[in-house]
Structures are given as C-alpha cells and as structure tokens.
Amino acid sequence: MKKLTLLLILVFSITSVHSADAQIWKKIKKRAENKVDEKVNDILNKKKKDEKEEKNPNPKDPNNRTSEGDSIDEDPEIYRNFKFIPGEKVIFYDDLKFEEVGEFPSRWDLVKGNSEVATLNGEKVIILTAKYSNRIKPLFDSEDYLGDEFTVEYDVLIPKMEYGGIYSFTNNLFFTNNFNNPNRDVHIEIGYDPKKIDGWAGKSDFKVESVSIGTENEWHHISISYYKGKYKMYYDEKRIVNIPRFTMKPEVFVLGFYLRTRGEGQHPYISVKNIRIAHGGGEMYKRIVADGKYVTNGILFESGKASIKAQSMGIINKVVTVMNENPDWKFKIVGHTDSDGATETNLTLSEQRANAVKQSIVDQGIKEDRFSIEGKGENEPLNTNTTPEEKANNRRVEFIKQ
C-alpha cells in the first residue's frame, strides 16, 4: 500500500511539473508572438510615416518640422569663387536665443500676414504662417538706419516644389516703407517649372540672373551688399543681382514672402533664420593700407567649434586675392570670442579658430610662413557683451599686417 501511495505521489508530481512547464512554455511563446507583432507594427507604422513625410515634408505642427540638413554648412569648396564681404559693424542680429516658441518674434514688427517662432531640428526659426503674403521688418528707433554702406544676410528654407502643390514663391525685399513703388524693392521668384530663380530688381528692365534653386527642403543663404549705389545679391555662392546704380536710396529693410500653391491642401510654412544686418563691407584693401589691419566679424563658425561656415568664404577668398597681389605681405591672425562660456575654453577656442582661418587660406595656395596666429578669447571685448549685436561684434577675426 505504501509503495502504491508513493507511486501515485510520484506520478502526480511528474504530471504537475509537466503541466507547469507547459504553462511556462505557453507564456513564453505568447510573449514572443506579442514581441513579433509589436515589431511588425513598428515597421509598418514607420513605413506609413515615411511615406506620409515623403508626400508632405512639412508636418502640420510647425514646431516639429523636419529638414534634411543645413546645406550652406556642408562644403566650403563650392564657395571657392564667392566674393561677398559682410559689413564690419553689426547693427541687427537675431539668433532667437531668448524667444518663446509659438510667439511673434519680439525684435520684429509685423507689416502683413503673420509669423511666429518655432523649433526646427532643435533650433529656433521664424516661420511666416499666412497662406499667401507675409511681411516683417526689424525693430529700429530710426526710419533711416541702413546708411550708404550695408550688408544683409539671412537663411531661408526652400520648400519642396512640386506640381499640384507649391509652384512658386516670391521673396520680396523692400528698402522703404512705401510698398506700392515697383522701383523700391527686389523680387526673387522661386518656381516649380523650371526649378530656378527668376525675378527683377530695382526697375523692371533689370532681370535677376536665373540659377537653379538647388536642394529643396533645405536651407539656402541670401547675401545682399549695398555700397554707395552699387547693389549686389547672392543666392548661396552664386551672384544673381549686380546693379551698378540702384534706382533708390535704401532706408529700411522689410522681408516679405508671397506663396503660390495649387489646391486646397495644407500650405508649407516659409522659414527664415540668422538674420544679420551690418554697416560697411567691401573695403578690405583700403583698411589694411590705412589702419594696418582688417577686422571682421563676418567669418562665422559653428557654435562652440572652430568649423568655418561656408558662407564665410567671401572674406577668405578676398584675403587670398590681396595676398596674391601683395606677395611681400604677412599677417598675424587673431581670434576673439564673446563672453559666453568659460574664459579658458574661449581662449583655446579663439586660437583654434584663428588657426582654422589660416589653414583655409593656406589651402588656396598661400604659403604658411606668411602667417602667425594668436587667440585672445574674451579678453579684449569691444563692448559689454550684453545684446546679440554686441556679442556678434565681439566674435571677430583680425588680420594684422606684420
């Protein structure tokens, strides 16, 4: 009887173990199936999302828009023939650093349409949100602040041009508050067919040079220089306007966009950033002769790095030209930073930036022994480092003739 009892207990235990094992394996199998289902769903959802973004690269929420990258910083080589020289004294610089997302940019005035601050790839930009026409202008106390010598720069995100969607938009640049005088603005037409820039400037019989719009859904750089009646404009590295006698005296700067779309679908937002207005520009040789040095804040670097932005090549190309024309000249290149960040870090960074400028010139065939470098960090500010303009002026490079 005892043996029978022990045998029954053993059989029951084995059966229970098998039953428990079966339950365990059943649970494991179920979890695996769930994981597979989740993975498949993730893949399908991503595929749907990618297809949606391909059809519409501008999501509905402007604060979460995407972009393929910042094309103006990718390859300085394409700027090898760039001749734009930024002004030396910044009078307006808006990096939107302290702006609140979703609000109208505080350093601008609204002329027409609407705009607000949004984030794009982790940085703040201004989006112009009205479906058709938008105009904004920087806030200044004076109504005649541009003067006889000035430069204007900004980046604009060129949307994807496609049949049935956007077929063109116009970048209007007004230089007075009189918006009804056709001789007082510059019209840049960016269209779908063909995908080129067209337009006219100052007067109807002067045409903007037609160039390709380049990569769509990416940032492109606009550069404008005015020097005592001479007006030039660049799209990325290409000069598209060259007027020896502009038909007006510029006074103010107004940035405008007019969007043309087909259908009733969602319109894309025009985005701009890095708006910079400066006095001066284009007098490098004369200033070297008169002052023994040339000081510029137009050589721009990636934030906290010594990587030179491609649109800075205009100044570097001019230095190369000056040195080729004066083979006995030598320079000390001195780097300066603003006061943001640690003092020692800024000192090191300023020397690295001076060396990067030297190397960029040497790469174009100028002998290395014609240069020395020095970094002074934040130790010799030109001002109090309080406003964005003051900081922009302190971030400078000096070419001191030896």
Protein backbone atom coordinates (compact mmCIF):
# COMPACT_ATOMS: atom_id res chain seq x y z
CA MET A 1 0.00 0.00 0.00
CA LYS A 2 2.83 2.35 0.90
CA LYS A 3 4.52 1.56 -2.42
CA LEU A 4 1.30 2.29 -4.29
CA THR A 5 0.91 5.59 -2.45
CA LEU A 6 4.50 6.59 -3.21
CA LEU A 7 4.00 5.69 -6.87
CA LEU A 8 0.82 7.81 -7.09
CA ILE A 9 2.60 10.75 -5.47
CA LEU A 10 5.49 10.43 -7.95
CA VAL A 11 3.17 10.27 -10.96
CA PHE A 12 1.21 13.29 -9.69
CA SER A 13 4.44 15.28 -9.17
CA ILE A 14 5.72 14.49 -12.64
CA THR A 15 2.36 15.39 -14.16
CA SER A 16 2.31 18.67 -12.20
CA VAL A 17 5.84 19.53 -13.33
CA HIS A 18 4.94 18.81 -16.95
CA SER A 19 1.79 20.86 -16.57
CA ALA A 20 3.74 23.76 -15.02
CA ASP A 21 6.37 23.51 -17.74
CA ALA A 22 3.69 23.55 -20.37
CA GLN A 23 2.18 26.68 -18.83
CA ILE A 24 5.59 28.35 -18.72
CA TRP A 25 6.36 27.49 -22.33
CA LYS A 26 2.92 28.66 -23.33
CA LYS A 27 3.55 32.04 -21.69
CA ILE A 28 6.99 32.34 -23.30
CA LYS A 29 5.51 31.56 -26.71
CA LYS A 30 2.77 34.13 -26.19
CA ARG A 31 5.30 36.80 -25.22
CA ALA A 32 7.42 36.03 -28.28
CA GLU A 33 4.35 36.29 -30.52
CA ASN A 34 3.47 39.64 -28.94
CA LYS A 35 7.02 40.92 -29.48
CA VAL A 36 6.90 39.88 -33.12
CA ASP A 37 3.55 41.61 -33.54
CA GLU A 38 4.91 44.77 -31.91
CA LYS A 39 7.98 44.74 -34.16
CA VAL A 40 5.86 44.25 -37.28
CA ASN A 41 3.55 47.08 -36.22
CA ASP A 42 6.54 49.34 -35.58
CA ILE A 43 7.89 48.62 -39.06
CA LEU A 44 4.53 49.21 -40.69
CA ASN A 45 3.94 52.43 -38.74
CA LYS A 46 7.40 53.73 -39.65
CA LYS A 47 6.78 52.87 -43.31
CA LYS A 48 3.46 54.77 -43.23
CA LYS A 49 5.12 57.73 -41.52
CA ASP A 50 7.97 57.79 -44.05
CA GLU A 51 5.51 57.65 -46.94
CA LYS A 52 3.48 60.47 -45.40
CA GLU A 53 6.54 62.67 -44.87
CA GLU A 54 7.72 61.96 -48.41
CA LYS A 55 4.41 63.21 -49.75
CA ASN A 56 4.31 66.16 -47.36
CA PRO A 57 7.72 67.18 -45.97
CA ASN A 58 6.11 69.90 -43.86
CA PRO A 59 4.13 68.36 -41.00
CA LYS A 60 1.06 70.13 -39.71
CA ASP A 61 2.71 71.27 -36.50
CA PRO A 62 5.34 73.89 -37.44
CA ASN A 63 7.07 73.41 -34.09
CA ASN A 64 8.01 69.86 -35.06
CA ARG A 65 9.00 70.33 -38.69
CA THR A 66 11.81 68.33 -40.22
CA SER A 67 14.60 69.18 -42.63
CA GLU A 68 17.25 67.18 -44.43
CA GLY A 69 20.09 69.34 -43.21
CA ASP A 70 21.78 72.69 -43.45
CA SER A 71 23.22 72.77 -46.93
CA ILE A 72 25.15 76.03 -46.54
CA ASP A 73 27.49 74.46 -43.98
CA GLU A 74 28.25 71.24 -45.83
CA ASP A 75 31.01 72.07 -48.30
CA PRO A 76 33.03 75.32 -48.29
CA GLU A 77 34.63 74.18 -51.56
CA ILE A 78 31.58 75.24 -53.56
CA TYR A 79 32.07 78.76 -52.18
CA ARG A 80 35.59 78.98 -53.64
CA ASN A 81 34.56 81.83 -56.00
CA PHE A 82 32.24 83.57 -53.53
CA LYS A 83 33.01 87.31 -53.32
CA PHE A 84 30.53 88.62 -50.76
CA ILE A 85 32.14 90.63 -47.93
CA PRO A 86 29.89 91.18 -44.86
CA GLY A 87 29.84 94.55 -43.13
CA GLU A 88 32.14 95.02 -40.14
CA LYS A 89 29.70 96.56 -37.65
CA VAL A 90 26.62 94.51 -36.84
CA ILE A 91 23.54 96.67 -36.19
CA PHE A 92 20.95 93.86 -36.10
CA TYR A 93 21.46 90.18 -35.34
CA ASP A 94 18.64 87.87 -34.31
CA ASP A 95 19.57 84.37 -33.21
CA LEU A 96 16.17 83.97 -31.45
CA LYS A 97 18.01 82.58 -28.44
CA PHE A 98 15.65 84.03 -25.83
CA GLU A 99 12.46 83.95 -27.88
CA GLU A 100 9.43 81.94 -26.78
CA VAL A 101 8.24 79.28 -29.20
CA GLY A 102 4.77 79.98 -30.56
CA GLU A 103 5.02 83.76 -30.05
CA PHE A 104 5.65 86.55 -32.53
CA PRO A 105 9.43 87.34 -32.62
CA SER A 106 9.91 90.21 -30.19
CA ARG A 107 12.56 92.07 -32.20
CA TRP A 108 10.40 92.36 -35.31
CA ASP A 109 7.37 94.35 -36.40
CA LEU A 110 4.51 92.81 -38.39
CA VAL A 111 3.66 94.55 -41.67
CA LYS A 112 1.39 91.95 -43.25
CA GLY A 113 0.31 88.34 -42.72
CA ASN A 114 1.65 86.63 -39.61
CA SER A 115 4.73 84.92 -38.21
CA GLU A 116 5.91 83.15 -35.08
CA VAL A 117 8.92 81.47 -33.53
CA ALA A 118 9.14 77.69 -33.97
CA THR A 119 11.73 74.96 -33.49
CA LEU A 120 13.25 73.08 -36.41
CA ASN A 121 15.82 70.33 -35.87
CA GLY A 122 16.42 71.63 -32.38
CA GLU A 123 17.00 75.28 -33.29
CA LYS A 124 14.67 78.27 -33.27
CA VAL A 125 13.50 79.80 -36.55
CA ILE A 126 10.93 82.33 -37.70
CA ILE A 127 8.05 80.86 -39.70
CA LEU A 128 5.77 83.05 -41.80
CA THR A 129 2.39 81.47 -41.34
CA ALA A 130 -0.12 83.31 -43.55
CA LYS A 131 -1.12 81.25 -46.55
CA TYR A 132 -0.17 83.82 -49.15
CA SER A 133 1.57 87.09 -48.24
CA ASN A 134 3.79 87.82 -45.23
CA ARG A 135 5.98 90.84 -44.40
CA ILE A 136 8.07 91.56 -41.31
CA LYS A 137 10.71 94.18 -40.53
CA PRO A 138 13.33 94.57 -37.76
CA LEU A 139 12.54 96.99 -34.95
CA PHE A 140 14.67 100.14 -35.08
CA ASP A 141 14.19 103.53 -33.46
CA SER A 142 15.21 105.28 -36.70
CA GLU A 143 13.43 105.01 -40.05
CA ASP A 144 16.72 105.53 -41.94
CA TYR A 145 19.21 103.14 -40.40
CA LEU A 146 20.80 101.40 -43.39
CA GLY A 147 23.16 104.18 -44.49
CA ASP A 148 25.37 104.31 -47.60
CA GLU A 149 27.21 101.03 -46.92
CA PHE A 150 25.47 97.96 -45.55
CA THR A 151 25.06 94.21 -45.92
CA VAL A 152 22.10 91.94 -45.16
CA GLU A 153 22.22 88.16 -44.73
CA TYR A 154 19.67 85.51 -43.84
CA ASP A 155 18.89 81.83 -44.40
CA VAL A 156 15.65 80.66 -45.96
CA LEU A 157 14.28 77.12 -46.09
CA ILE A 158 13.34 76.42 -49.71
CA PRO A 159 10.22 74.20 -49.64
CA LYS A 160 9.73 71.24 -51.93
CA MET A 161 8.44 72.49 -55.28
CA GLU A 162 6.06 70.04 -56.88
CA TYR A 163 3.28 70.02 -59.41
CA GLY A 164 -0.08 70.11 -57.68
CA GLY A 165 1.45 71.70 -54.56
CA ILE A 166 3.75 74.69 -54.41
CA TYR A 167 4.55 76.07 -57.81
CA SER A 168 6.37 79.24 -56.76
CA PHE A 169 7.00 81.72 -54.02
CA THR A 170 8.39 85.23 -54.17
CA ASN A 171 10.95 86.64 -51.76
CA ASN A 172 10.28 90.40 -51.80
CA LEU A 173 12.88 92.68 -50.25
CA PHE A 174 11.63 96.19 -49.54
CA PHE A 175 14.02 99.01 -48.69
CA THR A 176 11.45 101.65 -47.76
CA ASN A 177 8.03 101.62 -46.15
CA ASN A 178 6.46 102.51 -49.49
CA PHE A 179 5.26 99.11 -50.70
CA ASN A 180 3.49 100.38 -53.83
CA ASN A 181 6.54 101.71 -55.67
CA PRO A 182 7.86 98.98 -58.01
CA ASN A 183 11.29 100.63 -58.18
CA ARG A 184 11.84 100.25 -54.47
CA ASP A 185 12.06 96.52 -53.99
CA VAL A 186 13.70 93.33 -55.25
CA HIS A 187 11.56 90.43 -56.42
CA ILE A 188 13.04 86.93 -56.34
CA GLU A 189 10.73 84.38 -57.93
CA ILE A 190 11.41 80.75 -57.00
CA GLY A 191 9.36 78.40 -59.11
CA TYR A 192 8.50 74.80 -59.94
CA ASP A 193 8.83 74.72 -63.73
CA PRO A 194 11.66 75.15 -64.27
CA LYS A 195 13.05 74.85 -60.75
CA LYS A 196 15.02 78.06 -60.98
CA ILE A 197 15.24 81.52 -59.52
CA ASP A 198 13.99 84.40 -61.61
CA GLY A 199 12.86 87.96 -60.90
CA TRP A 200 13.78 91.59 -61.22
CA ALA A 201 15.43 94.20 -59.07
CA GLY A 202 15.05 97.95 -58.64
CA LYS A 203 13.44 98.51 -62.00
CA SER A 204 11.51 96.26 -64.35
CA ASP A 205 14.12 96.17 -67.12
CA PHE A 206 16.84 94.67 -64.86
CA LYS A 207 16.46 90.93 -64.55
CA VAL A 208 17.71 88.67 -61.80
CA GLU A 209 20.15 86.09 -63.15
CA SER A 210 18.42 82.73 -63.39
CA VAL A 211 20.06 79.94 -61.37
CA SER A 212 18.95 76.55 -60.07
CA ILE A 213 17.23 76.58 -56.68
CA GLY A 214 19.45 73.68 -55.59
CA THR A 215 18.38 71.14 -52.99
CA GLU A 216 14.78 71.52 -51.88
CA ASN A 217 13.56 71.31 -48.30
CA GLU A 218 16.96 72.62 -47.16
CA TRP A 219 18.41 75.94 -46.03
CA HIS A 220 19.89 78.37 -48.55
CA HIS A 221 21.81 81.56 -47.87
CA ILE A 222 20.88 85.03 -49.14
CA SER A 223 23.58 87.74 -49.11
CA ILE A 224 23.00 91.39 -50.06
CA SER A 225 25.52 94.22 -50.28
CA TYR A 226 24.92 97.90 -50.94
CA TYR A 227 27.83 100.28 -51.37
CA LYS A 228 27.05 103.89 -52.35
CA GLY A 229 24.53 102.98 -55.05
CA LYS A 230 26.01 99.61 -56.05
CA TYR A 231 23.71 96.70 -55.24
CA LYS A 232 24.68 93.02 -55.32
CA MET A 233 22.82 89.92 -54.23
CA TYR A 234 23.89 86.28 -53.88
CA TYR A 235 21.92 83.05 -53.67
CA ASP A 236 24.23 80.64 -51.86
CA GLU A 237 27.58 81.14 -53.66
CA LYS A 238 26.09 82.48 -56.92
CA ARG A 239 25.70 86.19 -57.65
CA ILE A 240 22.22 86.79 -59.06
CA VAL A 241 21.99 90.61 -58.98
CA ASN A 242 24.65 93.19 -59.88
CA ILE A 243 23.29 96.73 -60.29
CA PRO A 244 25.90 99.50 -60.70
CA ARG A 245 23.34 102.23 -59.98
CA PHE A 246 20.41 101.21 -57.81
CA THR A 247 17.36 103.35 -58.57
CA MET A 248 16.61 104.25 -54.97
CA LYS A 249 18.24 105.15 -51.65
CA PRO A 250 17.65 102.25 -49.21
CA GLU A 251 16.37 103.31 -45.80
CA VAL A 252 14.81 100.31 -44.04
CA PHE A 253 14.74 96.56 -44.62
CA VAL A 254 11.50 94.59 -44.93
CA LEU A 255 11.45 90.85 -45.53
CA GLY A 256 8.43 89.58 -47.45
CA PHE A 257 7.25 86.30 -48.94
CA TYR A 258 4.33 85.57 -51.23
CA LEU A 259 3.41 81.90 -51.63
CA ARG A 260 1.60 80.42 -54.62
CA THR A 261 0.06 76.97 -54.23
CA ARG A 262 -2.37 74.75 -56.12
CA GLY A 263 -5.33 73.05 -54.47
CA GLU A 264 -6.76 73.44 -51.00
CA GLY A 265 -4.31 71.25 -49.13
CA GLN A 266 -2.06 72.33 -46.31
CA HIS A 267 0.38 75.04 -47.36
CA PRO A 268 4.03 74.87 -46.23
CA TYR A 269 5.50 77.42 -43.88
CA ILE A 270 8.30 79.64 -45.14
CA SER A 271 11.11 79.62 -42.56
CA VAL A 272 13.98 82.08 -42.04
CA LYS A 273 16.83 82.33 -39.53
CA ASN A 274 20.20 84.00 -38.85
CA ILE A 275 19.17 87.49 -39.96
CA ARG A 276 22.20 89.78 -39.86
CA ILE A 277 22.41 93.47 -40.88
CA ALA A 278 25.75 95.27 -40.73
CA HIS A 279 27.29 98.57 -41.79
CA GLY A 280 30.34 98.60 -44.06
CA GLY A 281 31.69 95.86 -46.29
CA GLY A 282 33.98 95.62 -49.30
CA GLU A 283 36.85 97.89 -48.25
CA MET A 284 39.41 95.33 -47.09
CA TYR A 285 42.42 96.57 -49.07
CA LYS A 286 41.94 100.25 -48.19
CA ARG A 287 41.57 99.47 -44.50
CA ILE A 288 44.70 97.35 -44.42
CA VAL A 289 46.66 100.18 -46.03
CA ALA A 290 45.14 102.88 -43.80
CA ASP A 291 44.94 101.02 -40.47
CA GLY A 292 47.50 98.26 -40.87
CA LYS A 293 44.82 95.66 -40.19
CA TYR A 294 41.43 94.36 -41.21
CA VAL A 295 38.89 93.38 -38.56
CA THR A 296 35.85 91.29 -39.43
CA ASN A 297 33.03 89.52 -37.62
CA GLY A 298 31.83 88.07 -40.90
CA ILE A 299 33.84 84.85 -40.59
CA LEU A 300 31.28 82.63 -38.91
CA PHE A 301 31.85 79.38 -37.05
CA GLU A 302 29.70 76.56 -35.75
CA SER A 303 28.66 77.34 -32.18
CA GLY A 304 31.41 76.37 -29.77
CA LYS A 305 33.59 74.96 -32.58
CA ALA A 306 36.36 76.02 -34.96
CA SER A 307 34.46 74.81 -38.06
CA ILE A 308 34.11 77.70 -40.54
CA LYS A 309 30.68 78.15 -42.12
CA ALA A 310 30.72 78.02 -45.90
CA GLN A 311 29.24 81.49 -46.41
CA SER A 312 32.32 82.96 -44.72
CA MET A 313 34.42 82.07 -47.76
CA GLY A 314 33.85 85.50 -49.36
CA ILE A 315 36.19 87.13 -46.84
CA ILE A 316 38.74 84.31 -47.02
CA ASN A 317 38.73 84.43 -50.82
CA LYS A 318 39.34 88.19 -50.67
CA VAL A 319 42.30 87.70 -48.30
CA VAL A 320 43.75 85.20 -50.76
CA THR A 321 43.40 87.73 -53.59
CA VAL A 322 45.01 90.52 -51.55
CA MET A 323 47.95 88.29 -50.58
CA ASN A 324 48.48 87.15 -54.16
CA GLU A 325 48.56 90.80 -55.26
CA ASN A 326 50.97 91.69 -52.44
CA PRO A 327 53.42 88.76 -52.15
CA ASP A 328 55.55 90.52 -49.51
CA TRP A 329 52.68 90.99 -47.04
CA LYS A 330 52.47 88.90 -43.88
CA PHE A 331 49.68 88.76 -41.29
CA LYS A 332 49.03 87.79 -37.73
CA ILE A 333 45.57 86.25 -37.48
CA VAL A 334 43.98 86.95 -34.09
CA GLY A 335 40.79 85.26 -32.92
CA HIS A 336 38.30 86.75 -30.43
CA THR A 337 35.12 85.34 -28.83
CA ASP A 338 32.21 86.78 -26.89
CA SER A 339 31.89 86.18 -23.14
CA ASP A 340 29.56 83.18 -23.29
CA GLY A 341 31.20 80.10 -21.78
CA ALA A 342 34.29 79.62 -19.63
CA THR A 343 37.22 82.03 -20.04
CA GLU A 344 39.83 79.32 -20.58
CA THR A 345 37.62 77.48 -23.05
CA ASN A 346 37.10 80.68 -25.04
CA LEU A 347 40.82 81.35 -25.08
CA THR A 348 41.53 77.92 -26.56
CA LEU A 349 38.61 78.20 -28.98
CA SER A 350 39.76 81.59 -30.29
CA GLU A 351 43.23 80.18 -31.09
CA GLN A 352 41.69 77.15 -32.81
CA ARG A 353 39.51 79.44 -34.91
CA ALA A 354 42.46 81.64 -35.89
CA ASN A 355 44.31 78.51 -36.96
CA ALA A 356 41.29 77.29 -38.96
CA VAL A 357 41.20 80.61 -40.84
CA LYS A 358 44.92 80.36 -41.57
CA GLN A 359 44.56 76.79 -42.82
CA SER A 360 41.66 77.75 -45.09
CA ILE A 361 43.85 80.41 -46.74
CA VAL A 362 46.86 78.10 -46.97
CA ASP A 363 44.65 75.52 -48.68
CA GLN A 364 44.26 78.02 -51.52
CA GLY A 365 47.97 78.20 -52.18
CA ILE A 366 49.27 80.92 -49.83
CA LYS A 367 52.47 79.92 -48.05
CA GLU A 368 52.06 79.03 -44.39
CA ASP A 369 55.10 81.06 -43.28
CA ARG A 370 53.28 84.28 -44.15
CA PHE A 371 51.05 83.84 -41.09
CA SER A 372 51.23 83.68 -37.34
CA ILE A 373 48.21 83.10 -35.12
CA GLU A 374 47.02 84.18 -31.68
CA GLY A 375 43.90 83.61 -29.63
CA LYS A 376 42.65 86.25 -27.21
CA GLY A 377 39.33 84.70 -26.23
CA GLU A 378 37.02 87.15 -24.48
CA ASN A 379 39.86 89.26 -23.06
CA GLU A 380 39.57 92.24 -25.44
CA PRO A 381 35.85 92.95 -25.87
CA LEU A 382 34.67 95.92 -27.92
CA ASN A 383 31.64 96.41 -25.68
CA THR A 384 29.72 94.96 -22.72
CA ASN A 385 28.63 91.65 -24.35
CA THR A 386 25.03 92.44 -23.41
CA THR A 387 23.00 92.34 -26.65
CA PRO A 388 23.12 89.87 -29.56
CA GLU A 389 24.64 92.66 -31.69
CA GLU A 390 27.39 93.34 -29.15
CA LYS A 391 28.24 89.64 -28.92
CA ALA A 392 28.29 89.34 -32.71
CA ASN A 393 30.74 92.24 -32.94
CA ASN A 394 32.99 90.67 -30.30
CA ARG A 395 33.15 87.38 -32.19
CA ARG A 396 35.73 88.64 -34.65
CA VAL A 397 38.92 87.84 -36.51
CA GLU A 398 41.73 90.37 -37.01
CA PHE A 399 44.25 90.31 -39.85
CA ILE A 400 47.15 92.44 -38.56
CA LYS A 401 49.79 93.35 -41.14
CA GLN A 402 53.31 92.45 -39.95
